Amino acid sequence: MERIQHAIEKARAARTDAVAGPGVAQAPAGCARQPAESGAEAAVLANWQALREVAVPAQALVRAHVVTATGEKEAVRFDMMRTKLIHEVRANQWRRIAITSPGPSCGKTTVCLNLAYSLARQPEVRVVVVEADLRRPSLAKVLGLRPSVGVAEFLDGQAGLSDVSIRLRPNLAVLSSPEPRRNAPELFQSPATAQAIAALEEALEPTVVLFDLPPVLSGDDVMSFAGHVDAALIIAGAGTTTIAEIDNCERELASRTNIMGVVVNSCRYLGKDYDYKD
């Protein structure tokens, strides 16, 4: 792992491109957060309570390798990641965090869900997970959910927040999708998407919104969405992701948003059927 991290740092230092590095790119317009107005908290809590509650069975979480739901020993590394994420979010007034990877089979959805459950173990933190991988949605399958409408319908204004959101914990909500959509880049760049995300934030006042995005190098979906987030966390697969791929991914994202960091995921249970070819 140290060799990989050293190579990443060396690649960063060797760049000559005039792109914004970690902590340099400006947050997207309108992302600075203001304290909630007095009296609004009750309305926000009511909005959370109005979400349909679904209890994901413990065995389903075990099958999905979500080890942070109960805070057992295996959750320590994700809890450390959570602590760093919360520090960055609060220090920079960030809220919207993209979870992505250079290519497929890096475990980004697994990392995203583990981070979400880890964050939700802190009762003062509100977490929303959004399925933004519209070409290959996986959150519903991983969690055993059966949504009737999806994130695409919410983003284009055809469905309301309560239609597409479920509450997994008192402070953890997820927006998933039942089927793929091919027009993700066009949808992400439409004014309706910006309005929908703003409406979500206004209604639920989340501490963190985690967007599970597709791989950066698989198409233009991520770059179409990057302007909507405050920062991105890159998940690389140990043994599956090259240093060049990490460098290219980081370079692309740094031109559009802040880079929170690169996580080298050493999990060996990743599926081989994760295909982004149309």
Protein backbone atom coordinates (compact mmCIF):
# COMPACT_ATOMS: atom_id res chain seq x y z
CA MET A 1 0.00 0.00 0.00
CA GLU A 2 2.84 2.40 0.83
CA ARG A 3 4.31 1.80 -2.63
CA ILE A 4 0.99 2.64 -4.29
CA GLN A 5 0.49 5.78 -2.22
CA HIS A 6 4.08 6.89 -2.97
CA ALA A 7 3.48 6.38 -6.69
CA ILE A 8 0.29 8.44 -6.52
CA GLU A 9 2.11 11.31 -4.82
CA LYS A 10 4.96 11.08 -7.34
CA ALA A 11 2.48 11.26 -10.23
CA ARG A 12 0.83 14.32 -8.70
CA ALA A 13 4.16 16.09 -8.29
CA ALA A 14 5.15 15.34 -11.89
CA ARG A 15 2.13 17.03 -13.40
CA THR A 16 2.66 20.14 -15.43
CA ASP A 17 -1.00 20.70 -16.28
CA ALA A 18 -2.54 23.83 -14.79
CA VAL A 19 -5.31 22.05 -12.95
CA ALA A 20 -6.58 22.66 -9.46
CA GLY A 21 -5.21 20.26 -6.86
CA PRO A 22 -6.75 19.02 -3.61
CA GLY A 23 -8.08 21.87 -1.54
CA VAL A 24 -7.57 24.39 -4.35
CA ALA A 25 -10.61 24.07 -6.60
CA GLN A 26 -13.44 26.32 -5.57
CA ALA A 27 -16.59 24.69 -4.24
CA PRO A 28 -19.51 24.81 -6.66
CA ALA A 29 -21.59 27.95 -6.46
CA GLY A 30 -24.17 27.86 -3.73
CA CYS A 31 -22.47 25.09 -1.77
CA ALA A 32 -21.47 27.20 1.24
CA ARG A 33 -23.71 26.20 4.11
CA GLN A 34 -25.49 28.55 6.45
CA PRO A 35 -26.78 27.64 9.92
CA ALA A 36 -30.35 26.43 9.95
CA GLU A 37 -32.87 29.09 10.78
CA SER A 38 -34.51 28.99 14.19
CA GLY A 39 -37.64 26.87 14.15
CA ALA A 40 -36.75 24.97 10.97
CA GLU A 41 -35.43 21.90 12.79
CA ALA A 42 -38.90 20.62 13.65
CA ALA A 43 -39.91 20.77 9.99
CA VAL A 44 -36.75 18.92 8.95
CA LEU A 45 -37.38 16.18 11.52
CA ALA A 46 -40.94 15.87 10.25
CA ASN A 47 -39.62 15.43 6.72
CA TRP A 48 -37.35 12.62 7.89
CA GLN A 49 -40.19 10.94 9.75
CA ALA A 50 -42.34 11.13 6.62
CA LEU A 51 -39.90 8.95 4.66
CA ARG A 52 -40.90 5.31 4.31
CA GLU A 53 -38.87 3.23 6.76
CA VAL A 54 -37.26 -0.01 5.61
CA ALA A 55 -35.24 -2.31 7.84
CA VAL A 56 -32.53 -4.06 5.83
CA PRO A 57 -31.97 -7.52 7.36
CA ALA A 58 -28.63 -8.04 9.03
CA GLN A 59 -27.87 -10.99 6.75
CA ALA A 60 -28.37 -8.79 3.69
CA LEU A 61 -25.83 -6.32 5.04
CA VAL A 62 -23.42 -9.18 5.73
CA ARG A 63 -23.81 -10.42 2.14
CA ALA A 64 -23.18 -6.87 0.92
CA HIS A 65 -20.03 -6.67 3.08
CA VAL A 66 -21.41 -3.65 4.95
CA VAL A 67 -19.49 -4.13 8.19
CA THR A 68 -20.15 -0.72 9.75
CA ALA A 69 -23.87 -1.11 10.47
CA THR A 70 -23.17 -2.55 13.93
CA GLY A 71 -19.73 -1.06 14.50
CA GLU A 72 -17.87 -4.34 14.82
CA LYS A 73 -14.08 -4.75 14.70
CA GLU A 74 -13.97 -4.86 10.89
CA ALA A 75 -15.50 -1.36 10.81
CA VAL A 76 -12.42 0.35 12.26
CA ARG A 77 -10.88 1.37 8.94
CA PHE A 78 -14.16 2.79 7.68
CA ASP A 79 -14.64 4.61 10.97
CA MET A 80 -11.21 6.19 10.53
CA MET A 81 -12.23 7.23 7.01
CA ARG A 82 -15.47 8.63 8.45
CA THR A 83 -13.59 10.76 10.96
CA LYS A 84 -11.38 12.25 8.26
CA LEU A 85 -14.39 12.88 6.02
CA ILE A 86 -16.33 14.66 8.77
CA HIS A 87 -13.29 16.82 9.55
CA GLU A 88 -12.97 17.87 5.90
CA VAL A 89 -16.71 18.48 5.55
CA ARG A 90 -16.85 20.73 8.59
CA ALA A 91 -13.57 22.53 7.92
CA ASN A 92 -14.50 23.38 4.33
CA GLN A 93 -18.28 23.72 4.70
CA TRP A 94 -18.78 20.86 2.28
CA ARG A 95 -21.85 18.66 2.08
CA ARG A 96 -22.00 16.93 -1.30
CA ILE A 97 -19.40 14.17 -1.67
CA ALA A 98 -18.99 12.07 -4.82
CA ILE A 99 -17.81 8.48 -4.44
CA THR A 100 -16.24 7.25 -7.67
CA SER A 101 -13.40 5.18 -9.09
CA PRO A 102 -11.11 5.18 -12.12
CA GLY A 103 -12.62 2.00 -13.56
CA PRO A 104 -15.01 -0.84 -12.67
CA SER A 105 -14.63 -3.47 -9.94
CA CYS A 106 -13.04 -1.14 -7.37
CA GLY A 107 -15.73 -1.57 -4.70
CA LYS A 108 -16.97 2.03 -4.68
CA THR A 109 -20.58 1.12 -3.78
CA THR A 110 -19.41 -1.08 -0.91
CA VAL A 111 -17.19 1.71 0.40
CA CYS A 112 -20.03 4.22 -0.03
CA LEU A 113 -22.47 2.13 2.02
CA ASN A 114 -19.91 1.38 4.73
CA LEU A 115 -19.17 5.08 5.03
CA ALA A 116 -22.88 5.86 5.19
CA TYR A 117 -23.62 3.39 7.97
CA SER A 118 -20.51 4.47 9.85
CA LEU A 119 -21.58 8.12 9.67
CA ALA A 120 -25.12 7.22 10.74
CA ARG A 121 -23.83 5.68 13.98
CA GLN A 122 -23.27 9.28 15.08
CA PRO A 123 -26.83 10.39 15.98
CA GLU A 124 -26.13 14.08 15.34
CA VAL A 125 -25.08 13.37 11.74
CA ARG A 126 -27.70 13.08 8.99
CA VAL A 127 -26.64 11.08 5.92
CA VAL A 128 -28.26 10.71 2.51
CA VAL A 129 -26.97 8.26 -0.11
CA VAL A 130 -27.96 8.94 -3.72
CA GLU A 131 -27.68 6.42 -6.55
CA ALA A 132 -25.97 8.51 -9.22
CA ASP A 133 -24.70 5.54 -11.23
CA LEU A 134 -27.76 5.57 -13.47
CA ARG A 135 -26.33 3.30 -16.18
CA ARG A 136 -25.56 0.49 -13.72
CA PRO A 137 -27.58 1.16 -10.54
CA SER A 138 -26.68 -1.26 -7.77
CA LEU A 139 -27.81 0.19 -4.42
CA ALA A 140 -31.29 -1.33 -4.60
CA LYS A 141 -29.91 -4.77 -5.44
CA VAL A 142 -27.21 -4.63 -2.77
CA LEU A 143 -29.69 -3.58 -0.05
CA GLY A 144 -32.52 -5.82 -1.26
CA LEU A 145 -34.81 -2.88 -2.05
CA ARG A 146 -37.62 -2.78 -4.64
CA PRO A 147 -38.13 0.87 -5.62
CA SER A 148 -40.99 1.63 -7.97
CA VAL A 149 -39.43 4.88 -9.19
CA GLY A 150 -35.82 5.96 -9.22
CA VAL A 151 -33.37 8.80 -8.91
CA ALA A 152 -33.74 9.75 -12.58
CA GLU A 153 -37.43 10.49 -12.07
CA PHE A 154 -36.62 12.59 -9.02
CA LEU A 155 -33.90 14.54 -10.81
CA ASP A 156 -36.08 15.39 -13.80
CA GLY A 157 -39.05 16.40 -11.64
CA GLN A 158 -41.34 13.45 -12.40
CA ALA A 159 -41.24 12.14 -8.81
CA GLY A 160 -41.09 13.78 -5.41
CA LEU A 161 -38.50 13.20 -2.71
CA SER A 162 -40.84 11.03 -0.65
CA ASP A 163 -41.56 8.87 -3.73
CA VAL A 164 -37.96 7.83 -4.20
CA SER A 165 -36.45 8.03 -0.69
CA ILE A 166 -36.47 5.44 2.08
CA ARG A 167 -35.16 5.69 5.63
CA LEU A 168 -32.76 2.93 6.71
CA ARG A 169 -31.98 4.49 10.07
CA PRO A 170 -33.47 7.53 11.85
CA ASN A 171 -30.64 9.60 10.34
CA LEU A 172 -29.82 7.59 7.17
CA ALA A 173 -31.80 7.82 3.93
CA VAL A 174 -31.14 6.36 0.50
CA LEU A 175 -32.39 7.21 -2.99
CA SER A 176 -31.99 4.22 -5.32
CA SER A 177 -33.11 3.21 -8.81
CA PRO A 178 -34.94 0.14 -10.13
CA GLU A 179 -33.52 0.12 -13.65
CA PRO A 180 -30.76 1.65 -15.84
CA ARG A 181 -31.07 4.96 -17.67
CA ARG A 182 -28.95 5.80 -20.72
CA ASN A 183 -29.38 9.55 -20.75
CA ALA A 184 -27.49 10.28 -17.54
CA PRO A 185 -25.13 12.99 -18.90
CA GLU A 186 -27.98 15.00 -20.42
CA LEU A 187 -30.01 14.67 -17.22
CA PHE A 188 -27.09 15.65 -14.99
CA GLN A 189 -26.45 18.82 -16.99
CA SER A 190 -30.07 19.97 -16.94
CA PRO A 191 -31.26 22.72 -14.56
CA ALA A 192 -33.77 20.23 -13.13
CA THR A 193 -30.97 18.19 -11.51
CA ALA A 194 -29.54 21.21 -9.67
CA GLN A 195 -33.04 22.12 -8.48
CA ALA A 196 -33.77 18.59 -7.28
CA ILE A 197 -30.55 18.34 -5.26
CA ALA A 198 -31.25 21.74 -3.70
CA ALA A 199 -34.77 20.60 -2.80
CA LEU A 200 -33.37 17.45 -1.16
CA GLU A 201 -31.00 19.54 0.95
CA GLU A 202 -33.71 21.98 1.95
CA ALA A 203 -36.08 19.22 3.03
CA LEU A 204 -33.68 16.93 4.90
CA GLU A 205 -30.79 19.25 5.90
CA PRO A 206 -28.27 16.39 5.65
CA THR A 207 -24.81 16.72 7.14
CA VAL A 208 -23.41 14.72 4.22
CA VAL A 209 -24.83 13.60 0.88
CA LEU A 210 -22.90 10.69 -0.64
CA PHE A 211 -23.38 10.33 -4.41
CA ASP A 212 -22.47 6.86 -5.66
CA LEU A 213 -21.21 7.72 -9.16
CA PRO A 214 -19.98 5.49 -12.00
CA PRO A 215 -16.27 5.13 -12.83
CA VAL A 216 -14.68 8.30 -14.18
CA LEU A 217 -12.97 6.66 -17.14
CA SER A 218 -16.08 4.77 -18.34
CA GLY A 219 -17.78 7.75 -19.98
CA ASP A 220 -18.81 11.36 -19.40
CA ASP A 221 -21.37 10.73 -16.63
CA VAL A 222 -19.06 11.73 -13.77
CA MET A 223 -17.73 14.85 -15.46
CA SER A 224 -21.31 15.86 -16.25
CA PHE A 225 -22.21 15.53 -12.56
CA ALA A 226 -19.00 16.83 -10.96
CA GLY A 227 -20.16 20.44 -10.89
CA HIS A 228 -22.93 19.48 -8.48
CA VAL A 229 -20.60 18.25 -5.71
CA ASP A 230 -18.22 19.89 -3.27
CA ALA A 231 -15.54 17.18 -3.37
CA ALA A 232 -14.83 13.68 -4.66
CA LEU A 233 -13.41 10.58 -2.98
CA ILE A 234 -11.69 8.21 -5.41
CA ILE A 235 -11.80 4.46 -4.74
CA ALA A 236 -9.03 2.47 -6.42
CA GLY A 237 -8.88 -1.31 -6.50
CA ALA A 238 -5.70 -2.93 -5.27
CA GLY A 239 -4.50 -5.17 -8.06
CA THR A 240 -7.10 -3.89 -10.53
CA THR A 241 -6.35 -0.15 -10.83
CA THR A 242 -3.09 1.15 -12.30
CA ILE A 243 -1.24 4.22 -11.12
CA ALA A 244 -1.84 5.81 -14.53
CA GLU A 245 -5.59 5.27 -14.17
CA ILE A 246 -5.60 6.86 -10.72
CA ASP A 247 -3.58 9.80 -12.02
CA ASN A 248 -5.87 10.30 -15.03
CA CYS A 249 -8.97 10.04 -12.84
CA GLU A 250 -7.62 12.52 -10.31
CA ARG A 251 -6.54 14.90 -13.07
CA GLU A 252 -9.99 14.88 -14.69
CA LEU A 253 -11.88 15.38 -11.45
CA ALA A 254 -9.54 18.07 -10.13
CA SER A 255 -10.53 20.29 -13.05
CA ARG A 256 -14.14 20.28 -11.85
CA THR A 257 -14.18 19.81 -8.08
CA ASN A 258 -12.05 19.25 -4.98
CA ILE A 259 -10.30 15.91 -4.46
CA MET A 260 -10.84 14.60 -0.95
CA GLY A 261 -8.41 11.73 -1.39
CA VAL A 262 -7.70 8.31 -2.91
CA VAL A 263 -8.67 5.14 -1.06
CA VAL A 264 -6.97 1.92 -2.13
CA ASN A 265 -9.54 -0.82 -1.61
CA SER A 266 -7.97 -4.23 -1.09
CA CYS A 267 -11.23 -6.20 -0.96
CA ARG A 268 -11.12 -9.45 -2.93
CA TYR A 269 -14.86 -10.18 -3.17
CA LEU A 270 -15.64 -7.76 -6.00
CA GLY A 271 -17.78 -9.10 -8.82
CA LYS A 272 -16.44 -9.58 -12.35
CA ASP A 273 -19.71 -8.75 -14.14
CA TYR A 274 -19.48 -4.99 -13.69
CA ASP A 275 -19.59 -3.81 -17.31
CA TYR A 276 -20.06 -0.26 -18.55
CA LYS A 277 -20.17 -0.97 -22.26
CA ASP A 278 -23.43 0.03 -23.94
